[in-house]
Amino acid sequence: MSKKYTDSKSNLFYTLSTIFLTVITVATTILFIIVPKLLIIVPFIIAYFLYAGEHTATDEELFGPKNKEN
């Protein structure tokens, strides 16, 4: 026999616990799936910008020596 919850306090508790479990599940998913991927990718992005900031290629390096005849 299943008891039907008509009491508002029980209904509120059920709703709040469902929301809480959903939030915990989503937070755990983000923590264990998305964050490790970011930890792998972010250092490469930082290193790229640090390297690009240190040395910007000049026209000679990109296109070769300037032709003085033109």
PDB file of N, CA and C in Angstrom:
ATOM      1  N   MET A   1       0.844  -1.189   0.000  1.00  0.00           N
ATOM      2  CA  MET A   1       0.000   0.000   0.000  1.00  0.00           C
ATOM      3  C   MET A   1       0.879   1.240   0.000  1.00  0.00           C
ATOM      4  N   SER A   2       0.651   2.106  -0.964  1.00  0.00           N
ATOM      5  CA  SER A   2       1.420   3.348  -1.012  1.00  0.00           C
ATOM      6  C   SER A   2       0.575   4.485  -0.472  1.00  0.00           C
ATOM      7  N   LYS A   3       1.201   5.284   0.367  1.00  0.00           N
ATOM      8  CA  LYS A   3       0.496   6.416   0.969  1.00  0.00           C
ATOM      9  C   LYS A   3       0.644   7.614   0.048  1.00  0.00           C
ATOM     10  N   LYS A   4      -0.457   8.264  -0.247  1.00  0.00           N
ATOM     11  CA  LYS A   4      -0.410   9.432  -1.111  1.00  0.00           C
ATOM     12  C   LYS A   4      -0.151  10.659  -0.256  1.00  0.00           C
ATOM     13  N   TYR A   5       0.870  11.430  -0.631  1.00  0.00           N
ATOM     14  CA  TYR A   5       1.220  12.620   0.156  1.00  0.00           C
ATOM     15  C   TYR A   5       0.385  13.806  -0.296  1.00  0.00           C
ATOM     16  N   THR A   6      -0.514  14.205   0.582  1.00  0.00           N
ATOM     17  CA  THR A   6      -1.304  15.395   0.300  1.00  0.00           C
ATOM     18  C   THR A   6      -0.882  16.532   1.209  1.00  0.00           C
ATOM     19  N   ASP A   7      -0.074  16.223   2.215  1.00  0.00           N
ATOM     20  CA  ASP A   7       0.397  17.249   3.137  1.00  0.00           C
ATOM     21  C   ASP A   7       1.369  18.169   2.401  1.00  0.00           C
ATOM     22  N   SER A   8       1.214  19.471   2.582  1.00  0.00           N
ATOM     23  CA  SER A   8       2.042  20.426   1.844  1.00  0.00           C
ATOM     24  C   SER A   8       3.501  20.374   2.293  1.00  0.00           C
ATOM     25  N   LYS A   9       3.746  20.081   3.572  1.00  0.00           N
ATOM     26  CA  LYS A   9       5.127  20.019   4.053  1.00  0.00           C
ATOM     27  C   LYS A   9       5.870  18.860   3.408  1.00  0.00           C
ATOM     28  N   SER A  10       5.229  17.718   3.278  1.00  0.00           N
ATOM     29  CA  SER A  10       5.863  16.562   2.647  1.00  0.00           C
ATOM     30  C   SER A  10       6.139  16.848   1.172  1.00  0.00           C
ATOM     31  N   ASN A  11       5.189  17.500   0.523  1.00  0.00           N
ATOM     32  CA  ASN A  11       5.345  17.835  -0.887  1.00  0.00           C
ATOM     33  C   ASN A  11       6.504  18.813  -1.076  1.00  0.00           C
ATOM     34  N   LEU A  12       6.605  19.794  -0.200  1.00  0.00           N
ATOM     35  CA  LEU A  12       7.695  20.770  -0.262  1.00  0.00           C
ATOM     36  C   LEU A  12       9.036  20.077  -0.038  1.00  0.00           C
ATOM     37  N   PHE A  13       9.073  19.183   0.938  1.00  0.00           N
ATOM     38  CA  PHE A  13      10.312  18.450   1.222  1.00  0.00           C
ATOM     39  C   PHE A  13      10.740  17.622   0.016  1.00  0.00           C
ATOM     40  N   TYR A  14       9.775  16.972  -0.623  1.00  0.00           N
ATOM     41  CA  TYR A  14      10.070  16.164  -1.807  1.00  0.00           C
ATOM     42  C   TYR A  14      10.639  17.036  -2.927  1.00  0.00           C
ATOM     43  N   THR A  15      10.017  18.194  -3.138  1.00  0.00           N
ATOM     44  CA  THR A  15      10.479  19.109  -4.187  1.00  0.00           C
ATOM     45  C   THR A  15      11.881  19.613  -3.892  1.00  0.00           C
ATOM     46  N   LEU A  16      12.115  20.041  -2.656  1.00  0.00           N
ATOM     47  CA  LEU A  16      13.426  20.572  -2.283  1.00  0.00           C
ATOM     48  C   LEU A  16      14.512  19.503  -2.380  1.00  0.00           C
ATOM     49  N   SER A  17      14.191  18.300  -1.947  1.00  0.00           N
ATOM     50  CA  SER A  17      15.196  17.234  -2.010  1.00  0.00           C
ATOM     51  C   SER A  17      15.510  16.869  -3.458  1.00  0.00           C
ATOM     52  N   THR A  18      14.502  16.912  -4.320  1.00  0.00           N
ATOM     53  CA  THR A  18      14.730  16.637  -5.741  1.00  0.00           C
ATOM     54  C   THR A  18      15.627  17.705  -6.357  1.00  0.00           C
ATOM     55  N   ILE A  19      15.342  18.964  -6.052  1.00  0.00           N
ATOM     56  CA  ILE A  19      16.170  20.066  -6.559  1.00  0.00           C
ATOM     57  C   ILE A  19      17.597  19.931  -6.040  1.00  0.00           C
ATOM     58  N   PHE A  20      17.743  19.616  -4.762  1.00  0.00           N
ATOM     59  CA  PHE A  20      19.064  19.476  -4.149  1.00  0.00           C
ATOM     60  C   PHE A  20      19.861  18.362  -4.830  1.00  0.00           C
ATOM     61  N   LEU A  21      19.209  17.217  -5.043  1.00  0.00           N
ATOM     62  CA  LEU A  21      19.893  16.099  -5.699  1.00  0.00           C
ATOM     63  C   LEU A  21      20.286  16.447  -7.132  1.00  0.00           C
ATOM     64  N   THR A  22      19.425  17.185  -7.825  1.00  0.00           N
ATOM     65  CA  THR A  22      19.744  17.603  -9.189  1.00  0.00           C
ATOM     66  C   THR A  22      20.955  18.523  -9.200  1.00  0.00           C
ATOM     67  N   VAL A  23      20.989  19.480  -8.279  1.00  0.00           N
ATOM     68  CA  VAL A  23      22.118  20.413  -8.196  1.00  0.00           C
ATOM     69  C   VAL A  23      23.411  19.661  -7.886  1.00  0.00           C
ATOM     70  N   ILE A  24      23.351  18.727  -6.945  1.00  0.00           N
ATOM     71  CA  ILE A  24      24.539  17.943  -6.591  1.00  0.00           C
ATOM     72  C   ILE A  24      25.027  17.123  -7.792  1.00  0.00           C
ATOM     73  N   THR A  25      24.093  16.536  -8.527  1.00  0.00           N
ATOM     74  CA  THR A  25      24.461  15.729  -9.695  1.00  0.00           C
ATOM     75  C   THR A  25      25.133  16.579 -10.764  1.00  0.00           C
ATOM     76  N   VAL A  26      24.551  17.739 -11.050  1.00  0.00           N
ATOM     77  CA  VAL A  26      25.123  18.628 -12.067  1.00  0.00           C
ATOM     78  C   VAL A  26      26.497  19.125 -11.633  1.00  0.00           C
ATOM     79  N   ALA A  27      26.631  19.506 -10.354  1.00  0.00           N
ATOM     80  CA  ALA A  27      27.910  20.000  -9.848  1.00  0.00           C
ATOM     81  C   ALA A  27      28.984  18.916  -9.927  1.00  0.00           C
ATOM     82  N   THR A  28      28.615  17.697  -9.593  1.00  0.00           N
ATOM     83  CA  THR A  28      29.570  16.589  -9.661  1.00  0.00           C
ATOM     84  C   THR A  28      29.998  16.328 -11.102  1.00  0.00           C
ATOM     85  N   THR A  29      29.034  16.381 -12.015  1.00  0.00           N
ATOM     86  CA  THR A  29      29.347  16.186 -13.431  1.00  0.00           C
ATOM     87  C   THR A  29      30.331  17.239 -13.912  1.00  0.00           C
ATOM     88  N   ILE A  30      30.067  18.501 -13.580  1.00  0.00           N
ATOM     89  CA  ILE A  30      30.961  19.587 -13.986  1.00  0.00           C
ATOM     90  C   ILE A  30      32.343  19.381 -13.380  1.00  0.00           C
ATOM     91  N   LEU A  31      32.377  19.015 -12.114  1.00  0.00           N
ATOM     92  CA  LEU A  31      33.648  18.887 -11.401  1.00  0.00           C
ATOM     93  C   LEU A  31      34.520  17.787 -11.989  1.00  0.00           C
ATOM     94  N   PHE A  32      33.927  16.651 -12.299  1.00  0.00           N
ATOM     95  CA  PHE A  32      34.731  15.491 -12.682  1.00  0.00           C
ATOM     96  C   PHE A  32      34.882  15.293 -14.183  1.00  0.00           C
ATOM     97  N   ILE A  33      34.086  15.979 -15.001  1.00  0.00           N
ATOM     98  CA  ILE A  33      34.191  15.792 -16.448  1.00  0.00           C
ATOM     99  C   ILE A  33      34.740  17.039 -17.134  1.00  0.00           C
ATOM    100  N   ILE A  34      34.187  18.211 -16.818  1.00  0.00           N
ATOM    101  CA  ILE A  34      34.572  19.429 -17.535  1.00  0.00           C
ATOM    102  C   ILE A  34      35.875  20.008 -16.997  1.00  0.00           C
ATOM    103  N   VAL A  35      36.049  20.049 -15.679  1.00  0.00           N
ATOM    104  CA  VAL A  35      37.243  20.654 -15.084  1.00  0.00           C
ATOM    105  C   VAL A  35      38.530  19.942 -15.508  1.00  0.00           C
ATOM    106  N   PRO A  36      38.616  18.612 -15.511  1.00  0.00           N
ATOM    107  CA  PRO A  36      39.854  17.978 -15.979  1.00  0.00           C
ATOM    108  C   PRO A  36      40.205  18.332 -17.422  1.00  0.00           C
ATOM    109  N   LYS A  37      39.195  18.459 -18.287  1.00  0.00           N
ATOM    110  CA  LYS A  37      39.458  18.855 -19.668  1.00  0.00           C
ATOM    111  C   LYS A  37      40.017  20.268 -19.710  1.00  0.00           C
ATOM    112  N   LEU A  38      39.474  21.157 -18.885  1.00  0.00           N
ATOM    113  CA  LEU A  38      40.000  22.520 -18.829  1.00  0.00           C
ATOM    114  C   LEU A  38      41.432  22.519 -18.314  1.00  0.00           C
ATOM    115  N   LEU A  39      41.708  21.678 -17.320  1.00  0.00           N
ATOM    116  CA  LEU A  39      43.064  21.618 -16.771  1.00  0.00           C
ATOM    117  C   LEU A  39      44.063  21.141 -17.820  1.00  0.00           C
ATOM    118  N   ILE A  40      43.603  20.347 -18.769  1.00  0.00           N
ATOM    119  CA  ILE A  40      44.490  19.893 -19.835  1.00  0.00           C
ATOM    120  C   ILE A  40      44.680  20.995 -20.883  1.00  0.00           C
ATOM    121  N   ILE A  41      43.609  21.701 -21.235  1.00  0.00           N
ATOM    122  CA  ILE A  41      43.647  22.653 -22.347  1.00  0.00           C
ATOM    123  C   ILE A  41      44.233  24.009 -21.940  1.00  0.00           C
ATOM    124  N   VAL A  42      43.867  24.509 -20.766  1.00  0.00           N
ATOM    125  CA  VAL A  42      44.219  25.878 -20.365  1.00  0.00           C
ATOM    126  C   VAL A  42      45.722  26.151 -20.364  1.00  0.00           C
ATOM    127  N   PRO A  43      46.590  25.276 -19.854  1.00  0.00           N
ATOM    128  CA  PRO A  43      48.027  25.587 -19.898  1.00  0.00           C
ATOM    129  C   PRO A  43      48.553  25.823 -21.309  1.00  0.00           C
ATOM    130  N   PHE A  44      48.030  25.094 -22.299  1.00  0.00           N
ATOM    131  CA  PHE A  44      48.465  25.305 -23.675  1.00  0.00           C
ATOM    132  C   PHE A  44      48.032  26.680 -24.175  1.00  0.00           C
ATOM    133  N   ILE A  45      46.816  27.098 -23.797  1.00  0.00           N
ATOM    134  CA  ILE A  45      46.337  28.422 -24.197  1.00  0.00           C
ATOM    135  C   ILE A  45      47.206  29.502 -23.555  1.00  0.00           C
ATOM    136  N   ILE A  46      47.500  29.352 -22.263  1.00  0.00           N
ATOM    137  CA  ILE A  46      48.339  30.326 -21.559  1.00  0.00           C
ATOM    138  C   ILE A  46      49.732  30.368 -22.189  1.00  0.00           C
ATOM    139  N   ALA A  47      50.306  29.205 -22.464  1.00  0.00           N
ATOM    140  CA  ALA A  47      51.641  29.151 -23.063  1.00  0.00           C
ATOM    141  C   ALA A  47      51.647  29.807 -24.439  1.00  0.00           C
ATOM    142  N   TYR A  48      50.582  29.613 -25.204  1.00  0.00           N
ATOM    143  CA  TYR A  48      50.505  30.230 -26.529  1.00  0.00           C
ATOM    144  C   TYR A  48      50.543  31.743 -26.423  1.00  0.00           C
ATOM    145  N   PHE A  49      49.728  32.301 -25.509  1.00  0.00           N
ATOM    146  CA  PHE A  49      49.689  33.758 -25.378  1.00  0.00           C
ATOM    147  C   PHE A  49      50.990  34.304 -24.809  1.00  0.00           C
ATOM    148  N   LEU A  50      51.620  33.577 -23.888  1.00  0.00           N
ATOM    149  CA  LEU A  50      52.905  34.033 -23.350  1.00  0.00           C
ATOM    150  C   LEU A  50      53.960  34.053 -24.452  1.00  0.00           C
ATOM    151  N   TYR A  51      53.987  33.028 -25.274  1.00  0.00           N
ATOM    152  CA  TYR A  51      54.974  32.966 -26.347  1.00  0.00           C
ATOM    153  C   TYR A  51      54.705  34.055 -27.384  1.00  0.00           C
ATOM    154  N   ALA A  52      53.439  34.238 -27.737  1.00  0.00           N
ATOM    155  CA  ALA A  52      53.089  35.249 -28.730  1.00  0.00           C
ATOM    156  C   ALA A  52      53.412  36.645 -28.199  1.00  0.00           C
ATOM    157  N   GLY A  53      53.261  36.842 -26.894  1.00  0.00           N
ATOM    158  CA  GLY A  53      53.573  38.145 -26.320  1.00  0.00           C
ATOM    159  C   GLY A  53      55.064  38.404 -26.290  1.00  0.00           C
ATOM    160  N   GLU A  54      55.855  37.362 -26.087  1.00  0.00           N
ATOM    161  CA  GLU A  54      57.307  37.523 -26.027  1.00  0.00           C
ATOM    162  C   GLU A  54      57.885  37.883 -27.380  1.00  0.00           C
ATOM    163  N   HIS A  55      57.402  37.236 -28.404  1.00  0.00           N
ATOM    164  CA  HIS A  55      58.041  37.413 -29.704  1.00  0.00           C
ATOM    165  C   HIS A  55      56.974  37.532 -30.779  1.00  0.00           C
ATOM    166  N   THR A  56      56.840  38.737 -31.326  1.00  0.00           N
ATOM    167  CA  THR A  56      55.936  38.944 -32.442  1.00  0.00           C
ATOM    168  C   THR A  56      56.771  38.922 -33.716  1.00  0.00           C
ATOM    169  N   ALA A  57      56.356  38.149 -34.668  1.00  0.00           N
ATOM    170  CA  ALA A  57      57.137  37.990 -35.894  1.00  0.00           C
ATOM    171  C   ALA A  57      57.167  39.299 -36.677  1.00  0.00           C
ATOM    172  N   THR A  58      58.339  39.628 -37.200  1.00  0.00           N
ATOM    173  CA  THR A  58      58.477  40.830 -38.024  1.00  0.00           C
ATOM    174  C   THR A  58      58.131  40.489 -39.469  1.00  0.00           C
ATOM    175  N   ASP A  59      58.004  41.522 -40.290  1.00  0.00           N
ATOM    176  CA  ASP A  59      57.691  41.301 -41.702  1.00  0.00           C
ATOM    177  C   ASP A  59      58.780  40.488 -42.395  1.00  0.00           C
ATOM    178  N   GLU A  60      60.035  40.753 -42.021  1.00  0.00           N
ATOM    179  CA  GLU A  60      61.137  40.010 -42.645  1.00  0.00           C
ATOM    180  C   GLU A  60      61.044  38.517 -42.327  1.00  0.00           C
ATOM    181  N   GLU A  61      60.667  38.213 -41.105  1.00  0.00           N
ATOM    182  CA  GLU A  61      60.553  36.802 -40.720  1.00  0.00           C
ATOM    183  C   GLU A  61      59.386  36.119 -41.427  1.00  0.00           C
ATOM    184  N   LEU A  62      58.319  36.876 -41.651  1.00  0.00           N
ATOM    185  CA  LEU A  62      57.150  36.281 -42.292  1.00  0.00           C
ATOM    186  C   LEU A  62      57.309  36.192 -43.806  1.00  0.00           C
ATOM    187  N   PHE A  63      57.795  37.269 -44.428  1.00  0.00           N
ATOM    188  CA  PHE A  63      57.770  37.359 -45.893  1.00  0.00           C
ATOM    189  C   PHE A  63      59.158  37.363 -46.524  1.00  0.00           C
ATOM    190  N   GLY A  64      60.192  37.225 -45.714  1.00  0.00           N
ATOM    191  CA  GLY A  64      61.542  37.237 -46.268  1.00  0.00           C
ATOM    192  C   GLY A  64      62.084  38.665 -46.323  1.00  0.00           C
ATOM    193  N   PRO A  65      63.342  38.815 -46.742  1.00  0.00           N
ATOM    194  CA  PRO A  65      63.947  40.148 -46.772  1.00  0.00           C
ATOM    195  C   PRO A  65      63.236  41.067 -47.758  1.00  0.00           C
ATOM    196  N   LYS A  66      63.200  42.350 -47.411  1.00  0.00           N
ATOM    197  CA  LYS A  66      62.523  43.314 -48.277  1.00  0.00           C
ATOM    198  C   LYS A  66      63.318  43.505 -49.567  1.00  0.00           C
ATOM    199  N   ASN A  67      62.570  43.571 -50.649  1.00  0.00           N
ATOM    200  CA  ASN A  67      63.197  43.823 -51.946  1.00  0.00           C
ATOM    201  C   ASN A  67      63.310  45.329 -52.123  1.00  0.00           C
ATOM    202  N   LYS A  68      64.531  45.850 -52.236  1.00  0.00           N
ATOM    203  CA  LYS A  68      64.718  47.303 -52.270  1.00  0.00           C
ATOM    204  C   LYS A  68      64.442  47.887 -53.641  1.00  0.00           C
ATOM    205  N   GLU A  69      64.247  47.060 -54.666  1.00  0.00           N
ATOM    206  CA  GLU A  69      63.994  47.590 -56.006  1.00  0.00           C
ATOM    207  C   GLU A  69      62.600  48.182 -56.118  1.00  0.00           C
ATOM    208  N   ASN A  70      61.634  47.636 -55.316  1.00  0.00           N
ATOM    209  CA  ASN A  70      60.252  48.125 -55.440  1.00  0.00           C
ATOM    210  C   ASN A  70      60.109  49.428 -54.731  1.00  0.00           C
TER     211      ASN A  70
END
